[in-house]
Amino acid sequence: QVQLAESGGGLVQPGESLRLSCAASGVIFSIRTMAWYRQPPGKQRELVARVDSGSKMTYADSVKDRFIISRDYAKNTVSLEMNSMRPEDTAVYYCNAIIFAGRVNEYWGQGTQVTVSS
């Protein structure tokens, strides 16, 4: 069974940086895309950044030039480097992956809380 395990959430002050990591484990034939989503309090879940199998990266406008997504294809991991953080970045962050493990399915991590506050 495929699982996504996240780490790295926490409390930071505005302007500071934080790094999130996610590792996929289980029987995995290939990973199509890996991504980070977030759900701010009282709002819907939204895409933050995504990297596909061809290394094409997509970012939400609100995080462009501040966040960097990176993927290790050999280790089946994805990270999100968050810089110049703002209070509006406060949310539960979820790792997401489209994985072929006999069939193609979408998987989610359990979520990690990120709070930006002074």
C-alpha atoms as a PDB file:
ATOM      1  CA  GLN A   1       0.000   0.000   0.000  1.00  0.00           C
ATOM      2  CA  VAL A   2       1.345   3.393  -0.975  1.00  0.00           C
ATOM      3  CA  GLN A   3       1.744   5.997   1.737  1.00  0.00           C
ATOM      4  CA  LEU A   4       2.911   9.612   1.781  1.00  0.00           C
ATOM      5  CA  ALA A   5       4.662  10.811   4.932  1.00  0.00           C
ATOM      6  CA  GLU A   6       5.150  14.534   5.509  1.00  0.00           C
ATOM      7  CA  SER A   7       7.470  16.350   7.887  1.00  0.00           C
ATOM      8  CA  GLY A   8       8.663  19.859   8.636  1.00  0.00           C
ATOM      9  CA  GLY A   9       5.632  21.909   9.641  1.00  0.00           C
ATOM     10  CA  GLY A  10       5.649  24.354  12.525  1.00  0.00           C
ATOM     11  CA  LEU A  11       5.458  27.955  13.667  1.00  0.00           C
ATOM     12  CA  VAL A  12       7.547  30.684  12.046  1.00  0.00           C
ATOM     13  CA  GLN A  13       7.573  34.465  12.086  1.00  0.00           C
ATOM     14  CA  PRO A  14       6.800  36.587   9.019  1.00  0.00           C
ATOM     15  CA  GLY A  15       9.794  36.775   6.701  1.00  0.00           C
ATOM     16  CA  GLU A  16      11.282  33.511   7.903  1.00  0.00           C
ATOM     17  CA  SER A  17      11.739  30.258   6.010  1.00  0.00           C
ATOM     18  CA  LEU A  18      10.504  26.702   6.474  1.00  0.00           C
ATOM     19  CA  ARG A  19      11.049  23.472   4.585  1.00  0.00           C
ATOM     20  CA  LEU A  20       8.517  20.681   4.149  1.00  0.00           C
ATOM     21  CA  SER A  21       9.406  17.172   3.027  1.00  0.00           C
ATOM     22  CA  CYS A  22       7.339  14.248   1.822  1.00  0.00           C
ATOM     23  CA  ALA A  23       8.361  10.669   1.125  1.00  0.00           C
ATOM     24  CA  ALA A  24       6.350   8.120  -0.818  1.00  0.00           C
ATOM     25  CA  SER A  25       6.676   4.499   0.251  1.00  0.00           C
ATOM     26  CA  GLY A  26       5.217   1.141  -0.718  1.00  0.00           C
ATOM     27  CA  VAL A  27       5.049  -0.723  -3.985  1.00  0.00           C
ATOM     28  CA  ILE A  28       5.542   2.039  -6.547  1.00  0.00           C
ATOM     29  CA  PHE A  29       6.082   1.460 -10.260  1.00  0.00           C
ATOM     30  CA  SER A  30       6.304   5.120 -11.183  1.00  0.00           C
ATOM     31  CA  ILE A  31       5.253   8.535  -9.946  1.00  0.00           C
ATOM     32  CA  ARG A  32       3.575  10.843 -12.424  1.00  0.00           C
ATOM     33  CA  THR A  33       3.390  14.037 -10.386  1.00  0.00           C
ATOM     34  CA  MET A  34       4.192  15.171  -6.859  1.00  0.00           C
ATOM     35  CA  ALA A  35       2.679  18.303  -5.409  1.00  0.00           C
ATOM     36  CA  TRP A  36       1.913  20.367  -2.351  1.00  0.00           C
ATOM     37  CA  TYR A  37      -1.555  21.666  -1.575  1.00  0.00           C
ATOM     38  CA  ARG A  38      -2.690  23.766   1.358  1.00  0.00           C
ATOM     39  CA  GLN A  39      -5.937  24.491   3.126  1.00  0.00           C
ATOM     40  CA  PRO A  40      -6.092  27.807   5.011  1.00  0.00           C
ATOM     41  CA  PRO A  41      -8.536  28.058   7.908  1.00  0.00           C
ATOM     42  CA  GLY A  42     -12.092  28.290   6.632  1.00  0.00           C
ATOM     43  CA  LYS A  43     -11.063  27.995   2.988  1.00  0.00           C
ATOM     44  CA  GLN A  44     -10.851  25.319   0.329  1.00  0.00           C
ATOM     45  CA  ARG A  45      -7.766  23.299  -0.421  1.00  0.00           C
ATOM     46  CA  GLU A  46      -5.609  24.875  -3.125  1.00  0.00           C
ATOM     47  CA  LEU A  47      -2.587  23.906  -5.188  1.00  0.00           C
ATOM     48  CA  VAL A  48       0.674  25.439  -3.995  1.00  0.00           C
ATOM     49  CA  ALA A  49       3.205  23.825  -6.314  1.00  0.00           C
ATOM     50  CA  ARG A  50       3.527  20.744  -8.510  1.00  0.00           C
ATOM     51  CA  VAL A  51       6.325  18.993 -10.373  1.00  0.00           C
ATOM     52  CA  ASP A  52       5.584  16.409 -13.022  1.00  0.00           C
ATOM     53  CA  SER A  53       7.597  13.463 -14.322  1.00  0.00           C
ATOM     54  CA  GLY A  54       9.288  15.737 -16.867  1.00  0.00           C
ATOM     55  CA  SER A  55      10.385  18.179 -14.149  1.00  0.00           C
ATOM     56  CA  LYS A  56       7.903  20.827 -15.249  1.00  0.00           C
ATOM     57  CA  MET A  57       7.044  22.965 -12.235  1.00  0.00           C
ATOM     58  CA  THR A  58       3.830  24.826 -11.595  1.00  0.00           C
ATOM     59  CA  TYR A  59       3.322  27.391  -8.829  1.00  0.00           C
ATOM     60  CA  ALA A  60       0.353  29.282  -7.466  1.00  0.00           C
ATOM     61  CA  ASP A  61       0.680  32.996  -8.197  1.00  0.00           C
ATOM     62  CA  SER A  62       0.677  33.746  -4.472  1.00  0.00           C
ATOM     63  CA  VAL A  63       3.897  31.781  -3.873  1.00  0.00           C
ATOM     64  CA  LYS A  64       5.872  32.401  -7.069  1.00  0.00           C
ATOM     65  CA  ASP A  65       9.372  33.749  -6.377  1.00  0.00           C
ATOM     66  CA  ARG A  66       9.048  32.741  -2.689  1.00  0.00           C
ATOM     67  CA  PHE A  67       8.532  28.957  -2.670  1.00  0.00           C
ATOM     68  CA  ILE A  68      10.626  26.323  -4.404  1.00  0.00           C
ATOM     69  CA  ILE A  69       9.492  22.755  -5.051  1.00  0.00           C
ATOM     70  CA  SER A  70      12.083  20.067  -5.624  1.00  0.00           C
ATOM     71  CA  ARG A  71      11.826  16.366  -6.282  1.00  0.00           C
ATOM     72  CA  ASP A  72      14.230  13.472  -5.837  1.00  0.00           C
ATOM     73  CA  TYR A  73      13.187  10.907  -8.432  1.00  0.00           C
ATOM     74  CA  ALA A  74      15.429   8.175  -7.035  1.00  0.00           C
ATOM     75  CA  LYS A  75      14.155   8.533  -3.459  1.00  0.00           C
ATOM     76  CA  ASN A  76      10.499   9.266  -4.324  1.00  0.00           C
ATOM     77  CA  THR A  77      10.543  12.434  -2.257  1.00  0.00           C
ATOM     78  CA  VAL A  78       9.365  15.975  -2.768  1.00  0.00           C
ATOM     79  CA  SER A  79      10.254  19.066  -0.755  1.00  0.00           C
ATOM     80  CA  LEU A  80       8.896  22.580  -0.512  1.00  0.00           C
ATOM     81  CA  GLU A  81      11.237  25.380   0.480  1.00  0.00           C
ATOM     82  CA  MET A  82       9.136  28.286   1.724  1.00  0.00           C
ATOM     83  CA  ASN A  83      10.845  31.676   1.978  1.00  0.00           C
ATOM     84  CA  SER A  84       9.706  35.174   2.932  1.00  0.00           C
ATOM     85  CA  MET A  85       6.710  33.640   4.606  1.00  0.00           C
ATOM     86  CA  ARG A  86       3.558  35.667   5.241  1.00  0.00           C
ATOM     87  CA  PRO A  87       0.676  35.250   7.677  1.00  0.00           C
ATOM     88  CA  GLU A  88      -1.539  34.320   4.720  1.00  0.00           C
ATOM     89  CA  ASP A  89       0.657  31.243   4.171  1.00  0.00           C
ATOM     90  CA  THR A  90      -0.820  29.805   7.371  1.00  0.00           C
ATOM     91  CA  ALA A  91      -2.545  26.546   6.471  1.00  0.00           C
ATOM     92  CA  VAL A  92      -2.460  22.789   6.699  1.00  0.00           C
ATOM     93  CA  TYR A  93      -0.111  21.639   3.944  1.00  0.00           C
ATOM     94  CA  TYR A  94      -0.727  18.340   2.179  1.00  0.00           C
ATOM     95  CA  CYS A  95       1.586  16.267   0.048  1.00  0.00           C
ATOM     96  CA  ASN A  96      -0.064  14.833  -3.071  1.00  0.00           C
ATOM     97  CA  ALA A  97       1.091  12.338  -5.664  1.00  0.00           C
ATOM     98  CA  ILE A  98      -0.252  10.603  -8.746  1.00  0.00           C
ATOM     99  CA  ILE A  99       1.279   7.142  -8.621  1.00  0.00           C
ATOM    100  CA  PHE A 100       1.199   4.084 -10.824  1.00  0.00           C
ATOM    101  CA  ALA A 101       1.289   1.023  -8.572  1.00  0.00           C
ATOM    102  CA  GLY A 102      -0.483  -1.468 -10.785  1.00  0.00           C
ATOM    103  CA  ARG A 103      -3.079   1.188 -11.491  1.00  0.00           C
ATOM    104  CA  VAL A 104      -2.939   4.963 -11.389  1.00  0.00           C
ATOM    105  CA  ASN A 105      -4.242   6.481  -8.176  1.00  0.00           C
ATOM    106  CA  GLU A 106      -4.043   9.789  -6.369  1.00  0.00           C
ATOM    107  CA  TYR A 107      -2.602   9.767  -2.864  1.00  0.00           C
ATOM    108  CA  TRP A 108      -2.574  12.300  -0.041  1.00  0.00           C
ATOM    109  CA  GLY A 109      -0.454  12.758   3.044  1.00  0.00           C
ATOM    110  CA  GLN A 110      -2.006  13.337   6.448  1.00  0.00           C
ATOM    111  CA  GLY A 111      -1.228  17.058   6.406  1.00  0.00           C
ATOM    112  CA  THR A 112       1.132  19.215   8.432  1.00  0.00           C
ATOM    113  CA  GLN A 113       0.295  22.516  10.104  1.00  0.00           C
ATOM    114  CA  VAL A 114       2.243  25.619   9.105  1.00  0.00           C
ATOM    115  CA  THR A 115       1.604  28.799  11.066  1.00  0.00           C
ATOM    116  CA  VAL A 116       3.127  32.179  10.257  1.00  0.00           C
ATOM    117  CA  SER A 117       2.693  34.613  13.109  1.00  0.00           C
ATOM    118  CA  SER A 118       4.635  37.157  15.102  1.00  0.00           C
END
